[in-house]
Amino acid sequence: MVFYKDLLLYFDYKIIDESEEHIGASNGTTDFWVIQTAKPHPDRKFHRKAIGINHIAFRVYAKEDVDKFTNEFLKIRKVKPLYNSPKYFPEYREGYYAVFFEDPDRIKIEVVYVPSEKNK
C-alpha cells in the first residue's frame, strides 16, 4: 500500500480511508481505491494482457511534469521505466510524451503529457 499511497499523494490525492489491506484516495473528482488481494487468491498473478485492467494513466499539464515525476518519484524509488521512456510516442498522437513503469505487482502505470489543440 505504501507505493500507491506515495503515488497518489504525489498527484495531490487526499487519503480518505486506509488500513493495512486497502487505501482510498480522492482528488475531488476522481476516487482511487486499491485493495489487497483476498486471502484465497494471492497465487493469481496480475497480467495486463488478461481480462481486467491494462494500465493506469495519470495525465499531467506539461512535458516537464513527466520528467519531474521520473526524477522525483521513480528514480528515488529505483523504479525502472519501461520502453526506454520517458520519451515521445508519436505513434499515439503528436506531442504525446510519457513515462511507463510497473507497480510492485507489475500493473503498468503511465504518466503522460498530451498537448491539446490549444497548446500547439
PDB file of N, CA and C in Angstrom:
ATOM      1  N   MET A   1       0.812  -1.200   0.000  1.00  0.00           N
ATOM      2  CA  MET A   1       0.000   0.000   0.000  1.00  0.00           C
ATOM      3  C   MET A   1       0.857   1.266   0.000  1.00  0.00           C
ATOM      4  N   VAL A   2       2.083   1.149   0.511  1.00  0.00           N
ATOM      5  CA  VAL A   2       2.954   2.327   0.601  1.00  0.00           C
ATOM      6  C   VAL A   2       3.216   2.907  -0.783  1.00  0.00           C
ATOM      7  N   PHE A   3       3.473   2.040  -1.776  1.00  0.00           N
ATOM      8  CA  PHE A   3       3.741   2.512  -3.128  1.00  0.00           C
ATOM      9  C   PHE A   3       2.587   3.383  -3.627  1.00  0.00           C
ATOM     10  N   TYR A   4       1.358   2.877  -3.510  1.00  0.00           N
ATOM     11  CA  TYR A   4       0.209   3.631  -4.008  1.00  0.00           C
ATOM     12  C   TYR A   4      -0.091   4.862  -3.161  1.00  0.00           C
ATOM     13  N   LYS A   5       0.122   4.787  -1.882  1.00  0.00           N
ATOM     14  CA  LYS A   5      -0.078   5.977  -1.051  1.00  0.00           C
ATOM     15  C   LYS A   5       0.877   7.074  -1.506  1.00  0.00           C
ATOM     16  N   ASP A   6       2.147   6.739  -1.689  1.00  0.00           N
ATOM     17  CA  ASP A   6       3.125   7.722  -2.165  1.00  0.00           C
ATOM     18  C   ASP A   6       2.754   8.252  -3.549  1.00  0.00           C
ATOM     19  N   LEU A   7       2.344   7.357  -4.445  1.00  0.00           N
ATOM     20  CA  LEU A   7       1.989   7.763  -5.809  1.00  0.00           C
ATOM     21  C   LEU A   7       0.797   8.711  -5.804  1.00  0.00           C
ATOM     22  N   LEU A   8      -0.245   8.363  -5.083  1.00  0.00           N
ATOM     23  CA  LEU A   8      -1.444   9.196  -5.056  1.00  0.00           C
ATOM     24  C   LEU A   8      -1.192  10.530  -4.370  1.00  0.00           C
ATOM     25  N   LEU A   9      -0.413  10.535  -3.315  1.00  0.00           N
ATOM     26  CA  LEU A   9      -0.057  11.802  -2.664  1.00  0.00           C
ATOM     27  C   LEU A   9       0.762  12.679  -3.610  1.00  0.00           C
ATOM     28  N   TYR A  10       1.622  12.071  -4.413  1.00  0.00           N
ATOM     29  CA  TYR A  10       2.414  12.832  -5.380  1.00  0.00           C
ATOM     30  C   TYR A  10       1.497  13.613  -6.327  1.00  0.00           C
ATOM     31  N   PHE A  11       0.384  12.991  -6.714  1.00  0.00           N
ATOM     32  CA  PHE A  11      -0.557  13.634  -7.634  1.00  0.00           C
ATOM     33  C   PHE A  11      -1.666  14.390  -6.901  1.00  0.00           C
ATOM     34  N   ASP A  12      -1.404  14.765  -5.660  1.00  0.00           N
ATOM     35  CA  ASP A  12      -2.287  15.601  -4.842  1.00  0.00           C
ATOM     36  C   ASP A  12      -3.640  14.972  -4.511  1.00  0.00           C
ATOM     37  N   TYR A  13      -3.703  13.638  -4.514  1.00  0.00           N
ATOM     38  CA  TYR A  13      -4.895  12.983  -3.990  1.00  0.00           C
ATOM     39  C   TYR A  13      -4.844  13.081  -2.469  1.00  0.00           C
ATOM     40  N   LYS A  14      -6.000  13.140  -1.846  1.00  0.00           N
ATOM     41  CA  LYS A  14      -6.101  13.129  -0.389  1.00  0.00           C
ATOM     42  C   LYS A  14      -6.517  11.724   0.035  1.00  0.00           C
ATOM     43  N   ILE A  15      -5.864  11.193   1.038  1.00  0.00           N
ATOM     44  CA  ILE A  15      -6.215   9.875   1.559  1.00  0.00           C
ATOM     45  C   ILE A  15      -7.518  10.027   2.337  1.00  0.00           C
ATOM     46  N   ILE A  16      -8.559   9.280   1.923  1.00  0.00           N
ATOM     47  CA  ILE A  16      -9.856   9.390   2.571  1.00  0.00           C
ATOM     48  C   ILE A  16     -10.170   8.179   3.451  1.00  0.00           C
ATOM     49  N   ASP A  17      -9.443   7.093   3.255  1.00  0.00           N
ATOM     50  CA  ASP A  17      -9.639   5.902   4.074  1.00  0.00           C
ATOM     51  C   ASP A  17      -8.459   4.976   3.842  1.00  0.00           C
ATOM     52  N   GLU A  18      -7.979   4.338   4.905  1.00  0.00           N
ATOM     53  CA  GLU A  18      -6.881   3.381   4.723  1.00  0.00           C
ATOM     54  C   GLU A  18      -6.805   2.413   5.891  1.00  0.00           C
ATOM     55  N   SER A  19      -6.254   1.254   5.593  1.00  0.00           N
ATOM     56  CA  SER A  19      -5.973   0.238   6.596  1.00  0.00           C
ATOM     57  C   SER A  19      -4.772  -0.549   6.091  1.00  0.00           C
ATOM     58  N   GLU A  20      -4.433  -1.624   6.764  1.00  0.00           N
ATOM     59  CA  GLU A  20      -3.342  -2.489   6.300  1.00  0.00           C
ATOM     60  C   GLU A  20      -3.682  -3.126   4.953  1.00  0.00           C
ATOM     61  N   GLU A  21      -4.983  -3.302   4.667  1.00  0.00           N
ATOM     62  CA  GLU A  21      -5.425  -4.033   3.477  1.00  0.00           C
ATOM     63  C   GLU A  21      -5.912  -3.149   2.333  1.00  0.00           C
ATOM     64  N   HIS A  22      -6.096  -1.849   2.564  1.00  0.00           N
ATOM     65  CA  HIS A  22      -6.625  -1.008   1.489  1.00  0.00           C
ATOM     66  C   HIS A  22      -6.224   0.450   1.679  1.00  0.00           C
ATOM     67  N   ILE A  23      -6.410   1.187   0.586  1.00  0.00           N
ATOM     68  CA  ILE A  23      -6.234   2.638   0.640  1.00  0.00           C
ATOM     69  C   ILE A  23      -7.260   3.253  -0.310  1.00  0.00           C
ATOM     70  N   GLY A  24      -7.895   4.312   0.142  1.00  0.00           N
ATOM     71  CA  GLY A  24      -8.830   5.067  -0.680  1.00  0.00           C
ATOM     72  C   GLY A  24      -8.361   6.505  -0.741  1.00  0.00           C
ATOM     73  N   ALA A  25      -8.396   7.089  -1.939  1.00  0.00           N
ATOM     74  CA  ALA A  25      -7.934   8.468  -2.107  1.00  0.00           C
ATOM     75  C   ALA A  25      -8.840   9.185  -3.103  1.00  0.00           C
ATOM     76  N   SER A  26      -8.880  10.504  -3.007  1.00  0.00           N
ATOM     77  CA  SER A  26      -9.706  11.306  -3.916  1.00  0.00           C
ATOM     78  C   SER A  26      -8.996  12.614  -4.231  1.00  0.00           C
ATOM     79  N   ASN A  27      -9.215  13.086  -5.463  1.00  0.00           N
ATOM     80  CA  ASN A  27      -8.714  14.421  -5.820  1.00  0.00           C
ATOM     81  C   ASN A  27      -9.866  15.403  -5.952  1.00  0.00           C
ATOM     82  N   GLY A  28     -11.049  15.001  -5.505  1.00  0.00           N
ATOM     83  CA  GLY A  28     -12.223  15.861  -5.572  1.00  0.00           C
ATOM     84  C   GLY A  28     -13.138  15.524  -6.734  1.00  0.00           C
ATOM     85  N   THR A  29     -12.587  14.912  -7.768  1.00  0.00           N
ATOM     86  CA  THR A  29     -13.402  14.496  -8.915  1.00  0.00           C
ATOM     87  C   THR A  29     -13.277  13.003  -9.199  1.00  0.00           C
ATOM     88  N   THR A  30     -12.150  12.418  -8.806  1.00  0.00           N
ATOM     89  CA  THR A  30     -11.908  11.001  -9.075  1.00  0.00           C
ATOM     90  C   THR A  30     -11.434  10.324  -7.799  1.00  0.00           C
ATOM     91  N   ASP A  31     -12.087   9.220  -7.460  1.00  0.00           N
ATOM     92  CA  ASP A  31     -11.645   8.415  -6.326  1.00  0.00           C
ATOM     93  C   ASP A  31     -10.822   7.255  -6.851  1.00  0.00           C
ATOM     94  N   PHE A  32      -9.864   6.831  -6.073  1.00  0.00           N
ATOM     95  CA  PHE A  32      -8.967   5.743  -6.449  1.00  0.00           C
ATOM     96  C   PHE A  32      -8.853   4.819  -5.245  1.00  0.00           C
ATOM     97  N   TRP A  33      -9.201   3.551  -5.427  1.00  0.00           N
ATOM     98  CA  TRP A  33      -9.162   2.572  -4.341  1.00  0.00           C
ATOM     99  C   TRP A  33      -8.261   1.414  -4.717  1.00  0.00           C
ATOM    100  N   VAL A  34      -7.366   1.042  -3.814  1.00  0.00           N
ATOM    101  CA  VAL A  34      -6.504  -0.118  -4.000  1.00  0.00           C
ATOM    102  C   VAL A  34      -6.763  -1.037  -2.815  1.00  0.00           C
ATOM    103  N   ILE A  35      -7.110  -2.289  -3.123  1.00  0.00           N
ATOM    104  CA  ILE A  35      -7.456  -3.248  -2.089  1.00  0.00           C
ATOM    105  C   ILE A  35      -6.574  -4.480  -2.244  1.00  0.00           C
ATOM    106  N   GLN A  36      -5.998  -4.925  -1.150  1.00  0.00           N
ATOM    107  CA  GLN A  36      -5.134  -6.106  -1.169  1.00  0.00           C
ATOM    108  C   GLN A  36      -5.914  -7.319  -1.664  1.00  0.00           C
ATOM    109  N   THR A  37      -5.250  -8.187  -2.387  1.00  0.00           N
ATOM    110  CA  THR A  37      -5.864  -9.411  -2.892  1.00  0.00           C
ATOM    111  C   THR A  37      -6.417 -10.235  -1.727  1.00  0.00           C
ATOM    112  N   ALA A  38      -7.631 -10.758  -1.906  1.00  0.00           N
ATOM    113  CA  ALA A  38      -8.258 -11.581  -0.873  1.00  0.00           C
ATOM    114  C   ALA A  38      -7.441 -12.846  -0.625  1.00  0.00           C
ATOM    115  N   LYS A  39      -7.470 -13.340   0.585  1.00  0.00           N
ATOM    116  CA  LYS A  39      -6.642 -14.474   1.000  1.00  0.00           C
ATOM    117  C   LYS A  39      -6.730 -15.702   0.094  1.00  0.00           C
ATOM    118  N   PRO A  40      -7.891 -16.066  -0.469  1.00  0.00           N
ATOM    119  CA  PRO A  40      -7.893 -17.271  -1.321  1.00  0.00           C
ATOM    120  C   PRO A  40      -7.208 -17.073  -2.683  1.00  0.00           C
ATOM    121  N   HIS A  41      -6.815 -15.841  -3.030  1.00  0.00           N
ATOM    122  CA  HIS A  41      -6.346 -15.570  -4.389  1.00  0.00           C
ATOM    123  C   HIS A  41      -4.925 -15.036  -4.542  1.00  0.00           C
ATOM    124  N   PRO A  42      -4.064 -15.086  -3.538  1.00  0.00           N
ATOM    125  CA  PRO A  42      -2.746 -14.444  -3.704  1.00  0.00           C
ATOM    126  C   PRO A  42      -1.848 -15.119  -4.736  1.00  0.00           C
ATOM    127  N   ASP A  43      -2.142 -16.367  -5.086  1.00  0.00           N
ATOM    128  CA  ASP A  43      -1.316 -17.072  -6.063  1.00  0.00           C
ATOM    129  C   ASP A  43      -1.625 -16.642  -7.492  1.00  0.00           C
ATOM    130  N   ARG A  44      -2.719 -15.929  -7.696  1.00  0.00           N
ATOM    131  CA  ARG A  44      -3.080 -15.438  -9.032  1.00  0.00           C
ATOM    132  C   ARG A  44      -2.311 -14.152  -9.297  1.00  0.00           C
ATOM    133  N   LYS A  45      -1.374 -14.215 -10.199  1.00  0.00           N
ATOM    134  CA  LYS A  45      -0.572 -13.044 -10.517  1.00  0.00           C
ATOM    135  C   LYS A  45      -1.261 -12.213 -11.583  1.00  0.00           C
ATOM    136  N   PHE A  46      -1.036 -10.918 -11.515  1.00  0.00           N
ATOM    137  CA  PHE A  46      -1.608  -9.995 -12.489  1.00  0.00           C
ATOM    138  C   PHE A  46      -0.906 -10.127 -13.835  1.00  0.00           C
ATOM    139  N   HIS A  47      -1.673 -10.016 -14.900  1.00  0.00           N
ATOM    140  CA  HIS A  47      -1.112  -9.913 -16.246  1.00  0.00           C
ATOM    141  C   HIS A  47      -1.997  -8.970 -17.052  1.00  0.00           C
ATOM    142  N   ARG A  48      -1.410  -7.876 -17.561  1.00  0.00           N
ATOM    143  CA  ARG A  48      -2.198  -6.850 -18.242  1.00  0.00           C
ATOM    144  C   ARG A  48      -2.799  -7.294 -19.567  1.00  0.00           C
ATOM    145  N   LYS A  49      -2.401  -8.439 -20.092  1.00  0.00           N
ATOM    146  CA  LYS A  49      -2.994  -8.946 -21.326  1.00  0.00           C
ATOM    147  C   LYS A  49      -4.217  -9.829 -21.048  1.00  0.00           C
ATOM    148  N   ALA A  50      -4.436 -10.155 -19.764  1.00  0.00           N
ATOM    149  CA  ALA A  50      -5.597 -10.963 -19.388  1.00  0.00           C
ATOM    150  C   ALA A  50      -6.809 -10.042 -19.197  1.00  0.00           C
ATOM    151  N   ILE A  51      -7.941 -10.620 -18.864  1.00  0.00           N
ATOM    152  CA  ILE A  51      -9.135  -9.833 -18.581  1.00  0.00           C
ATOM    153  C   ILE A  51      -8.855  -8.936 -17.393  1.00  0.00           C
ATOM    154  N   GLY A  52      -9.288  -7.718 -17.490  1.00  0.00           N
ATOM    155  CA  GLY A  52      -9.078  -6.762 -16.405  1.00  0.00           C
ATOM    156  C   GLY A  52      -8.363  -5.521 -16.910  1.00  0.00           C
ATOM    157  N   ILE A  53      -7.753  -4.831 -16.012  1.00  0.00           N
ATOM    158  CA  ILE A  53      -7.111  -3.553 -16.326  1.00  0.00           C
ATOM    159  C   ILE A  53      -5.854  -3.767 -17.181  1.00  0.00           C
ATOM    160  N   ASN A  54      -5.666  -2.893 -18.168  1.00  0.00           N
ATOM    161  CA  ASN A  54      -4.437  -2.931 -18.964  1.00  0.00           C
ATOM    162  C   ASN A  54      -3.379  -2.042 -18.331  1.00  0.00           C
ATOM    163  N   HIS A  55      -3.732  -0.788 -18.091  1.00  0.00           N
ATOM    164  CA  HIS A  55      -2.826   0.097 -17.367  1.00  0.00           C
ATOM    165  C   HIS A  55      -3.575   1.328 -16.884  1.00  0.00           C
ATOM    166  N   ILE A  56      -2.933   2.078 -16.013  1.00  0.00           N
ATOM    167  CA  ILE A  56      -3.498   3.296 -15.436  1.00  0.00           C
ATOM    168  C   ILE A  56      -2.657   4.458 -15.930  1.00  0.00           C
ATOM    169  N   ALA A  57      -3.309   5.544 -16.341  1.00  0.00           N
ATOM    170  CA  ALA A  57      -2.573   6.723 -16.797  1.00  0.00           C
ATOM    171  C   ALA A  57      -2.942   7.939 -15.959  1.00  0.00           C
ATOM    172  N   PHE A  58      -1.926   8.692 -15.586  1.00  0.00           N
ATOM    173  CA  PHE A  58      -2.104   9.976 -14.921  1.00  0.00           C
ATOM    174  C   PHE A  58      -1.661  11.046 -15.909  1.00  0.00           C
ATOM    175  N   ARG A  59      -2.580  11.916 -16.300  1.00  0.00           N
ATOM    176  CA  ARG A  59      -2.256  12.969 -17.258  1.00  0.00           C
ATOM    177  C   ARG A  59      -1.746  14.199 -16.511  1.00  0.00           C
ATOM    178  N   VAL A  60      -0.644  14.767 -17.006  1.00  0.00           N
ATOM    179  CA  VAL A  60      -0.061  15.964 -16.407  1.00  0.00           C
ATOM    180  C   VAL A  60      -0.158  17.121 -17.389  1.00  0.00           C
ATOM    181  N   TYR A  61       0.167  18.310 -16.918  1.00  0.00           N
ATOM    182  CA  TYR A  61      -0.063  19.537 -17.683  1.00  0.00           C
ATOM    183  C   TYR A  61       1.066  19.939 -18.622  1.00  0.00           C
ATOM    184  N   ALA A  62       2.249  19.354 -18.451  1.00  0.00           N
ATOM    185  CA  ALA A  62       3.391  19.750 -19.278  1.00  0.00           C
ATOM    186  C   ALA A  62       4.366  18.590 -19.408  1.00  0.00           C
ATOM    187  N   LYS A  63       5.125  18.590 -20.488  1.00  0.00           N
ATOM    188  CA  LYS A  63       6.163  17.580 -20.712  1.00  0.00           C
ATOM    189  C   LYS A  63       7.144  17.561 -19.539  1.00  0.00           C
ATOM    190  N   GLU A  64       7.462  18.736 -19.021  1.00  0.00           N
ATOM    191  CA  GLU A  64       8.397  18.848 -17.904  1.00  0.00           C
ATOM    192  C   GLU A  64       7.884  18.132 -16.650  1.00  0.00           C
ATOM    193  N   ASP A  65       6.552  18.038 -16.516  1.00  0.00           N
ATOM    194  CA  ASP A  65       5.974  17.333 -15.373  1.00  0.00           C
ATOM    195  C   ASP A  65       6.274  15.837 -15.441  1.00  0.00           C
ATOM    196  N   VAL A  66       6.331  15.281 -16.646  1.00  0.00           N
ATOM    197  CA  VAL A  66       6.689  13.866 -16.819  1.00  0.00           C
ATOM    198  C   VAL A  66       8.131  13.654 -16.360  1.00  0.00           C
ATOM    199  N   ASP A  67       9.026  14.521 -16.816  1.00  0.00           N
ATOM    200  CA  ASP A  67      10.434  14.410 -16.429  1.00  0.00           C
ATOM    201  C   ASP A  67      10.615  14.624 -14.924  1.00  0.00           C
ATOM    202  N   LYS A  68       9.887  15.585 -14.373  1.00  0.00           N
ATOM    203  CA  LYS A  68       9.962  15.857 -12.940  1.00  0.00           C
ATOM    204  C   LYS A  68       9.505  14.632 -12.147  1.00  0.00           C
ATOM    205  N   PHE A  69       8.397  14.007 -12.554  1.00  0.00           N
ATOM    206  CA  PHE A  69       7.908  12.798 -11.890  1.00  0.00           C
ATOM    207  C   PHE A  69       8.957  11.689 -11.968  1.00  0.00           C
ATOM    208  N   THR A  70       9.559  11.520 -13.125  1.00  0.00           N
ATOM    209  CA  THR A  70      10.578  10.485 -13.306  1.00  0.00           C
ATOM    210  C   THR A  70      11.720  10.685 -12.317  1.00  0.00           C
ATOM    211  N   ASN A  71      12.170  11.915 -12.171  1.00  0.00           N
ATOM    212  CA  ASN A  71      13.289  12.222 -11.271  1.00  0.00           C
ATOM    213  C   ASN A  71      12.895  12.198  -9.801  1.00  0.00           C
ATOM    214  N   GLU A  72      11.720  12.742  -9.478  1.00  0.00           N
ATOM    215  CA  GLU A  72      11.324  12.880  -8.081  1.00  0.00           C
ATOM    216  C   GLU A  72      10.670  11.626  -7.492  1.00  0.00           C
ATOM    217  N   PHE A  73      10.071  10.800  -8.348  1.00  0.00           N
ATOM    218  CA  PHE A  73       9.360   9.631  -7.823  1.00  0.00           C
ATOM    219  C   PHE A  73      10.036   8.323  -8.219  1.00  0.00           C
ATOM    220  N   LEU A  74      10.219   8.105  -9.506  1.00  0.00           N
ATOM    221  CA  LEU A  74      10.740   6.815  -9.961  1.00  0.00           C
ATOM    222  C   LEU A  74      12.194   6.599  -9.580  1.00  0.00           C
ATOM    223  N   LYS A  75      13.047   7.567  -9.870  1.00  0.00           N
ATOM    224  CA  LYS A  75      14.484   7.384  -9.597  1.00  0.00           C
ATOM    225  C   LYS A  75      14.757   7.195  -8.115  1.00  0.00           C
ATOM    226  N   ILE A  76      14.072   7.951  -7.278  1.00  0.00           N
ATOM    227  CA  ILE A  76      14.276   7.842  -5.826  1.00  0.00           C
ATOM    228  C   ILE A  76      13.914   6.440  -5.334  1.00  0.00           C
ATOM    229  N   ARG A  77      12.885   5.844  -5.939  1.00  0.00           N
ATOM    230  CA  ARG A  77      12.420   4.513  -5.518  1.00  0.00           C
ATOM    231  C   ARG A  77      13.054   3.388  -6.337  1.00  0.00           C
ATOM    232  N   LYS A  78      13.975   3.770  -7.225  1.00  0.00           N
ATOM    233  CA  LYS A  78      14.661   2.792  -8.090  1.00  0.00           C
ATOM    234  C   LYS A  78      13.676   1.977  -8.927  1.00  0.00           C
ATOM    235  N   VAL A  79      12.627   2.649  -9.410  1.00  0.00           N
ATOM    236  CA  VAL A  79      11.653   2.025 -10.304  1.00  0.00           C
ATOM    237  C   VAL A  79      12.120   2.271 -11.730  1.00  0.00           C
ATOM    238  N   LYS A  80      12.312   1.205 -12.474  1.00  0.00           N
ATOM    239  CA  LYS A  80      12.852   1.305 -13.827  1.00  0.00           C
ATOM    240  C   LYS A  80      11.734   1.605 -14.832  1.00  0.00           C
ATOM    241  N   PRO A  81      11.887   2.680 -15.612  1.00  0.00           N
ATOM    242  CA  PRO A  81      10.903   2.958 -16.660  1.00  0.00           C
ATOM    243  C   PRO A  81      10.915   1.873 -17.743  1.00  0.00           C
ATOM    244  N   LEU A  82       9.769   1.678 -18.351  1.00  0.00           N
ATOM    245  CA  LEU A  82       9.626   0.733 -19.461  1.00  0.00           C
ATOM    246  C   LEU A  82       9.824   1.453 -20.792  1.00  0.00           C
ATOM    247  N   TYR A  83      10.134   0.697 -21.832  1.00  0.00           N
ATOM    248  CA  TYR A  83      10.173   1.180 -23.225  1.00  0.00           C
ATOM    249  C   TYR A  83      11.161   2.321 -23.453  1.00  0.00           C
ATOM    250  N   ASN A  84      12.214   2.371 -22.656  1.00  0.00           N
ATOM    251  CA  ASN A  84      13.215   3.427 -22.800  1.00  0.00           C
ATOM    252  C   ASN A  84      12.586   4.818 -22.632  1.00  0.00           C
ATOM    253  N   SER A  85      11.585   4.899 -21.770  1.00  0.00           N
ATOM    254  CA  SER A  85      10.898   6.166 -21.531  1.00  0.00           C
ATOM    255  C   SER A  85      11.508   6.838 -20.292  1.00  0.00           C
ATOM    256  N   PRO A  86      11.271   8.129 -20.119  1.00  0.00           N
ATOM    257  CA  PRO A  86      10.294   8.959 -20.813  1.00  0.00           C
ATOM    258  C   PRO A  86      10.784   9.346 -22.204  1.00  0.00           C
ATOM    259  N   LYS A  87       9.810   9.450 -23.087  1.00  0.00           N
ATOM    260  CA  LYS A  87      10.111   9.852 -24.458  1.00  0.00           C
ATOM    261  C   LYS A  87       8.806  10.185 -25.170  1.00  0.00           C
ATOM    262  N   TYR A  88       8.954  10.697 -26.384  1.00  0.00           N
ATOM    263  CA  TYR A  88       7.789  10.957 -27.232  1.00  0.00           C
ATOM    264  C   TYR A  88       7.295   9.647 -27.831  1.00  0.00           C
ATOM    265  N   PHE A  89       5.988   9.517 -27.968  1.00  0.00           N
ATOM    266  CA  PHE A  89       5.349   8.371 -28.605  1.00  0.00           C
ATOM    267  C   PHE A  89       4.464   8.902 -29.732  1.00  0.00           C
ATOM    268  N   PRO A  90       5.063   9.294 -30.872  1.00  0.00           N
ATOM    269  CA  PRO A  90       4.281   9.884 -31.958  1.00  0.00           C
ATOM    270  C   PRO A  90       3.278   8.911 -32.573  1.00  0.00           C
ATOM    271  N   GLU A  91       3.476   7.609 -32.363  1.00  0.00           N
ATOM    272  CA  GLU A  91       2.526   6.631 -32.882  1.00  0.00           C
ATOM    273  C   GLU A  91       1.176   6.725 -32.169  1.00  0.00           C
ATOM    274  N   TYR A  92       1.145   7.335 -30.971  1.00  0.00           N
ATOM    275  CA  TYR A  92      -0.116   7.509 -30.238  1.00  0.00           C
ATOM    276  C   TYR A  92      -0.797   8.811 -30.633  1.00  0.00           C
ATOM    277  N   ARG A  93       0.003   9.891 -30.702  1.00  0.00           N
ATOM    278  CA  ARG A  93      -0.541  11.208 -31.025  1.00  0.00           C
ATOM    279  C   ARG A  93       0.626  12.198 -31.075  1.00  0.00           C
ATOM    280  N   GLU A  94       0.504  13.204 -31.882  1.00  0.00           N
ATOM    281  CA  GLU A  94       1.548  14.219 -31.973  1.00  0.00           C
ATOM    282  C   GLU A  94       1.754  14.876 -30.611  1.00  0.00           C
ATOM    283  N   GLY A  95       3.002  14.946 -30.176  1.00  0.00           N
ATOM    284  CA  GLY A  95       3.347  15.576 -28.902  1.00  0.00           C
ATOM    285  C   GLY A  95       3.151  14.696 -27.688  1.00  0.00           C
ATOM    286  N   TYR A  96       2.730  13.438 -27.884  1.00  0.00           N
ATOM    287  CA  TYR A  96       2.474  12.505 -26.771  1.00  0.00           C
ATOM    288  C   TYR A  96       3.812  12.162 -26.126  1.00  0.00           C
ATOM    289  N   TYR A  97       3.964  12.515 -24.850  1.00  0.00           N
ATOM    290  CA  TYR A  97       5.223  12.318 -24.128  1.00  0.00           C
ATOM    291  C   TYR A  97       4.894  11.613 -22.815  1.00  0.00           C
ATOM    292  N   ALA A  98       5.533  10.481 -22.565  1.00  0.00           N
ATOM    293  CA  ALA A  98       5.149   9.685 -21.403  1.00  0.00           C
ATOM    294  C   ALA A  98       6.303   8.897 -20.829  1.00  0.00           C
ATOM    295  N   VAL A  99       6.110   8.507 -19.578  1.00  0.00           N
ATOM    296  CA  VAL A  99       6.948   7.506 -18.938  1.00  0.00           C
ATOM    297  C   VAL A  99       6.011   6.379 -18.505  1.00  0.00           C
ATOM    298  N   PHE A 100       6.421   5.156 -18.793  1.00  0.00           N
ATOM    299  CA  PHE A 100       5.682   3.960 -18.394  1.00  0.00           C
ATOM    300  C   PHE A 100       6.527   3.203 -17.375  1.00  0.00           C
ATOM    301  N   PHE A 101       5.874   2.583 -16.402  1.00  0.00           N
ATOM    302  CA  PHE A 101       6.568   1.791 -15.395  1.00  0.00           C
ATOM    303  C   PHE A 101       5.574   0.812 -14.793  1.00  0.00           C
ATOM    304  N   GLU A 102       6.070  -0.099 -13.954  1.00  0.00           N
ATOM    305  CA  GLU A 102       5.201  -1.076 -13.306  1.00  0.00           C
ATOM    306  C   GLU A 102       5.196  -0.865 -11.797  1.00  0.00           C
ATOM    307  N   ASP A 103       4.044  -1.119 -11.194  1.00  0.00           N
ATOM    308  CA  ASP A 103       3.958  -1.079  -9.739  1.00  0.00           C
ATOM    309  C   ASP A 103       4.553  -2.373  -9.183  1.00  0.00           C
ATOM    310  N   PRO A 104       4.597  -2.545  -7.863  1.00  0.00           N
ATOM    311  CA  PRO A 104       5.203  -3.767  -7.310  1.00  0.00           C
ATOM    312  C   PRO A 104       4.536  -5.069  -7.756  1.00  0.00           C
ATOM    313  N   ASP A 105       3.271  -5.016  -8.199  1.00  0.00           N
ATOM    314  CA  ASP A 105       2.583  -6.212  -8.686  1.00  0.00           C
ATOM    315  C   ASP A 105       2.602  -6.325 -10.209  1.00  0.00           C
ATOM    316  N   ARG A 106       3.362  -5.475 -10.854  1.00  0.00           N
ATOM    317  CA  ARG A 106       3.550  -5.447 -12.299  1.00  0.00           C
ATOM    318  C   ARG A 106       2.366  -4.854 -13.066  1.00  0.00           C
ATOM    319  N   ILE A 107       1.533  -4.064 -12.402  1.00  0.00           N
ATOM    320  CA  ILE A 107       0.495  -3.319 -13.112  1.00  0.00           C
ATOM    321  C   ILE A 107       1.184  -2.130 -13.771  1.00  0.00           C
ATOM    322  N   LYS A 108       0.932  -1.961 -15.073  1.00  0.00           N
ATOM    323  CA  LYS A 108       1.588  -0.879 -15.814  1.00  0.00           C
ATOM    324  C   LYS A 108       0.905   0.451 -15.505  1.00  0.00           C
ATOM    325  N   ILE A 109       1.737   1.452 -15.259  1.00  0.00           N
ATOM    326  CA  ILE A 109       1.263   2.809 -14.984  1.00  0.00           C
ATOM    327  C   ILE A 109       1.976   3.752 -15.939  1.00  0.00           C
ATOM    328  N   GLU A 110       1.261   4.783 -16.333  1.00  0.00           N
ATOM    329  CA  GLU A 110       1.792   5.777 -17.270  1.00  0.00           C
ATOM    330  C   GLU A 110       1.566   7.169 -16.697  1.00  0.00           C
ATOM    331  N   VAL A 111       2.561   8.016 -16.816  1.00  0.00           N
ATOM    332  CA  VAL A 111       2.401   9.447 -16.553  1.00  0.00           C
ATOM    333  C   VAL A 111       2.632  10.110 -17.895  1.00  0.00           C
ATOM    334  N   VAL A 112       1.622  10.866 -18.359  1.00  0.00           N
ATOM    335  CA  VAL A 112       1.616  11.307 -19.749  1.00  0.00           C
ATOM    336  C   VAL A 112       1.235  12.772 -19.894  1.00  0.00           C
ATOM    337  N   TYR A 113       1.897  13.407 -20.832  1.00  0.00           N
ATOM    338  CA  TYR A 113       1.507  14.741 -21.288  1.00  0.00           C
ATOM    339  C   TYR A 113       1.039  14.591 -22.735  1.00  0.00           C
ATOM    340  N   VAL A 114      -0.182  15.067 -22.980  1.00  0.00           N
ATOM    341  CA  VAL A 114      -0.736  15.082 -24.336  1.00  0.00           C
ATOM    342  C   VAL A 114      -1.183  16.516 -24.608  1.00  0.00           C
ATOM    343  N   PRO A 115      -0.530  17.174 -25.564  1.00  0.00           N
ATOM    344  CA  PRO A 115      -0.923  18.558 -25.812  1.00  0.00           C
ATOM    345  C   PRO A 115      -2.327  18.618 -26.421  1.00  0.00           C
ATOM    346  N   SER A 116      -3.087  19.598 -25.972  1.00  0.00           N
ATOM    347  CA  SER A 116      -4.402  19.818 -26.566  1.00  0.00           C
ATOM    348  C   SER A 116      -4.215  20.694 -27.796  1.00  0.00           C
ATOM    349  N   GLU A 117      -5.243  20.843 -28.566  1.00  0.00           N
ATOM    350  CA  GLU A 117      -5.166  21.679 -29.775  1.00  0.00           C
ATOM    351  C   GLU A 117      -4.770  23.113 -29.415  1.00  0.00           C
ATOM    352  N   LYS A 118      -5.219  23.614 -28.282  1.00  0.00           N
ATOM    353  CA  LYS A 118      -4.890  24.996 -27.896  1.00  0.00           C
ATOM    354  C   LYS A 118      -3.455  25.144 -27.418  1.00  0.00           C
ATOM    355  N   ASN A 119      -2.777  24.018 -27.069  1.00  0.00           N
ATOM    356  CA  ASN A 119      -1.376  24.072 -26.607  1.00  0.00           C
ATOM    357  C   ASN A 119      -0.395  24.024 -27.771  1.00  0.00           C
ATOM    358  N   LYS A 120      -0.876  23.754 -28.980  1.00  0.00           N
ATOM    359  CA  LYS A 120       0.047  23.609 -30.110  1.00  0.00           C
ATOM    360  C   LYS A 120       0.498  24.940 -30.634  1.00  0.00           C
TER     361      LYS A 120
END
